[in-house]
Amino acid sequence: MQALNLPTYKFKIKSRENKLFIYDIVRKKYVSLTPEEWVRQHIIHYLINDKNYPISLIAIEKKLTINKLSKRTDILVFTSKGTPNIIVECKAPSVKINQNSFDQIARYNLKLAANYLIVSNGLNHYFCFMDVEKEQYVFLENIPHYISD
């Protein structure tokens, strides 16, 4: 798999029927190792190992309904009170992040009202704080470390 602009982690990877699978520590199972999944697993480990977010507050592919359409967030991190804190949209490294990427995560956030948004293709990362009063993104250098509330 392609090297990413994220710290490296030790992953459990196995091959079955000429297909690679990676162990997801949140879902506690092996999942197909696609380029997007490679990015997702790095972001998960980054949030847990580098930013100290408890694994118990992280949901993967959380279902939500927007305008009667079923959607899934790539990663959703909750506060200790159970409210959405961070939405992460992962793209494959070959996918260029553009306005459509931000529009997608913004639509999810209309429903979830998270404090932070992350869009990443593993090479480029965008961290935003949602300023609800001004109804705008505030771009950050990085996502904050976990602080229990």
Protein backbone atom coordinates (compact mmCIF):
# COMPACT_ATOMS: atom_id res chain seq x y z
CA MET A 1 0.00 0.00 0.00
CA GLN A 2 1.00 3.58 -0.61
CA ALA A 3 2.93 5.53 2.05
CA LEU A 4 0.75 8.23 3.59
CA ASN A 5 1.38 11.60 5.17
CA LEU A 6 0.52 10.16 8.60
CA PRO A 7 2.53 8.32 11.25
CA THR A 8 3.13 4.63 10.52
CA TYR A 9 1.41 2.02 12.64
CA LYS A 10 1.64 -1.72 13.03
CA PHE A 11 -1.40 -3.23 11.32
CA LYS A 12 -2.63 -6.82 11.20
CA ILE A 13 -2.97 -7.66 7.51
CA LYS A 14 -3.88 -11.02 6.06
CA SER A 15 -4.44 -12.44 2.61
CA ARG A 16 -7.39 -14.60 1.63
CA GLU A 17 -8.21 -15.70 -1.92
CA ASN A 18 -5.65 -13.24 -3.36
CA LYS A 19 -7.30 -10.36 -1.48
CA LEU A 20 -5.81 -8.35 1.38
CA PHE A 21 -7.68 -7.65 4.61
CA ILE A 22 -6.78 -5.32 7.46
CA TYR A 23 -7.89 -5.68 11.07
CA ASP A 24 -10.10 -2.82 12.22
CA ILE A 25 -9.58 -2.33 15.97
CA VAL A 26 -12.88 -0.43 16.30
CA ARG A 27 -15.12 -2.91 14.47
CA LYS A 28 -13.00 -5.79 15.82
CA LYS A 29 -12.87 -7.61 12.49
CA TYR A 30 -10.89 -7.90 9.28
CA VAL A 31 -12.15 -5.71 6.44
CA SER A 32 -11.16 -5.50 2.79
CA LEU A 33 -7.99 -3.46 2.37
CA THR A 34 -8.97 -0.85 -0.21
CA PRO A 35 -7.01 2.40 -0.67
CA GLU A 36 -9.76 4.29 1.22
CA GLU A 37 -9.68 1.73 4.04
CA TRP A 38 -5.89 2.16 4.26
CA VAL A 39 -6.47 5.88 4.91
CA ARG A 40 -9.31 5.19 7.36
CA GLN A 41 -7.20 2.79 9.42
CA HIS A 42 -4.36 5.30 9.63
CA ILE A 43 -6.77 8.04 10.78
CA ILE A 44 -8.31 5.71 13.39
CA HIS A 45 -4.88 4.89 14.80
CA TYR A 46 -3.87 8.55 14.65
CA LEU A 47 -6.93 9.59 16.69
CA ILE A 48 -6.38 6.82 19.25
CA ASN A 49 -2.58 6.71 19.53
CA ASP A 50 -1.57 10.30 18.83
CA LYS A 51 -4.62 12.30 19.92
CA ASN A 52 -5.73 10.02 22.79
CA TYR A 53 -9.36 9.57 21.73
CA PRO A 54 -10.83 6.53 23.49
CA ILE A 55 -11.70 3.70 21.11
CA SER A 56 -15.09 3.45 22.86
CA LEU A 57 -16.06 6.89 21.48
CA ILE A 58 -15.31 6.00 17.84
CA ALA A 59 -17.86 4.62 15.37
CA ILE A 60 -17.06 3.44 11.86
CA GLU A 61 -19.51 3.78 8.97
CA LYS A 62 -22.24 5.15 11.22
CA LYS A 63 -25.53 5.22 9.33
CA LEU A 64 -27.51 8.43 9.01
CA THR A 65 -30.46 9.51 6.88
CA ILE A 66 -30.32 12.76 4.91
CA ASN A 67 -33.33 13.76 2.79
CA LYS A 68 -34.62 10.17 2.97
CA LEU A 69 -31.28 8.88 1.64
CA SER A 70 -29.18 6.44 3.66
CA LYS A 71 -25.58 7.65 4.11
CA ARG A 72 -22.62 6.52 6.22
CA THR A 73 -19.91 8.54 7.90
CA ASP A 74 -16.42 7.09 7.49
CA ILE A 75 -15.47 7.83 11.11
CA LEU A 76 -17.58 9.50 13.78
CA VAL A 77 -16.06 10.40 17.14
CA PHE A 78 -18.38 11.19 20.02
CA THR A 79 -17.89 13.22 23.18
CA SER A 80 -18.08 11.31 26.45
CA LYS A 81 -21.67 12.60 26.70
CA GLY A 82 -22.55 10.85 23.43
CA THR A 83 -22.84 13.87 21.15
CA PRO A 84 -20.99 13.99 17.81
CA ASN A 85 -17.59 15.65 18.17
CA ILE A 86 -15.63 14.82 14.98
CA ILE A 87 -16.75 13.64 11.55
CA VAL A 88 -14.01 12.22 9.34
CA GLU A 89 -14.37 11.77 5.59
CA CYS A 90 -11.68 9.51 4.12
CA LYS A 91 -10.78 9.37 0.47
CA ALA A 92 -8.34 7.13 -1.37
CA PRO A 93 -4.91 8.75 -1.90
CA SER A 94 -5.64 8.96 -5.64
CA VAL A 95 -8.76 11.07 -5.00
CA LYS A 96 -8.16 14.79 -5.02
CA ILE A 97 -9.90 16.63 -2.19
CA ASN A 98 -12.14 19.33 -3.61
CA GLN A 99 -15.26 21.32 -2.82
CA ASN A 100 -17.42 18.21 -3.30
CA SER A 101 -15.55 16.54 -0.42
CA PHE A 102 -16.35 19.47 1.86
CA ASP A 103 -19.96 19.64 0.64
CA GLN A 104 -20.40 15.95 1.47
CA ILE A 105 -19.11 16.28 5.04
CA ALA A 106 -21.02 19.56 5.51
CA ARG A 107 -24.28 17.77 4.58
CA TYR A 108 -23.50 15.10 7.16
CA ASN A 109 -22.81 17.81 9.71
CA LEU A 110 -26.17 19.51 9.13
CA LYS A 111 -27.65 16.35 10.62
CA LEU A 112 -24.96 15.57 13.23
CA ALA A 113 -23.79 19.05 14.38
CA ALA A 114 -20.25 17.90 15.19
CA ASN A 115 -17.64 20.33 16.50
CA TYR A 116 -14.86 19.30 14.11
CA LEU A 117 -14.59 18.01 10.56
CA ILE A 118 -11.65 16.17 9.00
CA VAL A 119 -11.28 15.47 5.30
CA SER A 120 -8.25 13.39 4.32
CA ASN A 121 -6.94 11.34 1.43
CA GLY A 122 -3.98 10.26 3.56
CA LEU A 123 -1.71 12.72 1.79
CA ASN A 124 -3.59 15.98 2.37
CA HIS A 125 -5.59 16.62 5.52
CA TYR A 126 -8.02 19.41 6.30
CA PHE A 127 -9.03 20.04 9.90
CA CYS A 128 -11.93 22.38 10.58
CA PHE A 129 -13.71 23.69 13.62
CA MET A 130 -17.36 24.48 13.01
CA ASP A 131 -18.13 28.02 14.13
CA VAL A 132 -21.88 27.62 14.52
CA GLU A 133 -22.53 31.27 15.34
CA LYS A 134 -20.78 32.52 12.19
CA GLU A 135 -21.88 29.46 10.17
CA GLN A 136 -18.40 28.85 8.78
CA TYR A 137 -15.45 26.49 8.85
CA VAL A 138 -12.39 27.63 10.76
CA PHE A 139 -9.39 25.75 9.38
CA LEU A 140 -6.95 24.45 11.98
CA GLU A 141 -3.35 23.26 11.79
CA ASN A 142 -4.36 20.04 13.52
CA ILE A 143 -7.20 18.40 15.39
CA PRO A 144 -7.09 18.90 19.17
CA HIS A 145 -6.12 16.15 21.58
CA TYR A 146 -8.92 14.41 23.43
CA ILE A 147 -9.98 16.09 26.65
CA SER A 148 -12.72 14.34 28.61
CA ASP A 149 -15.74 16.55 29.18
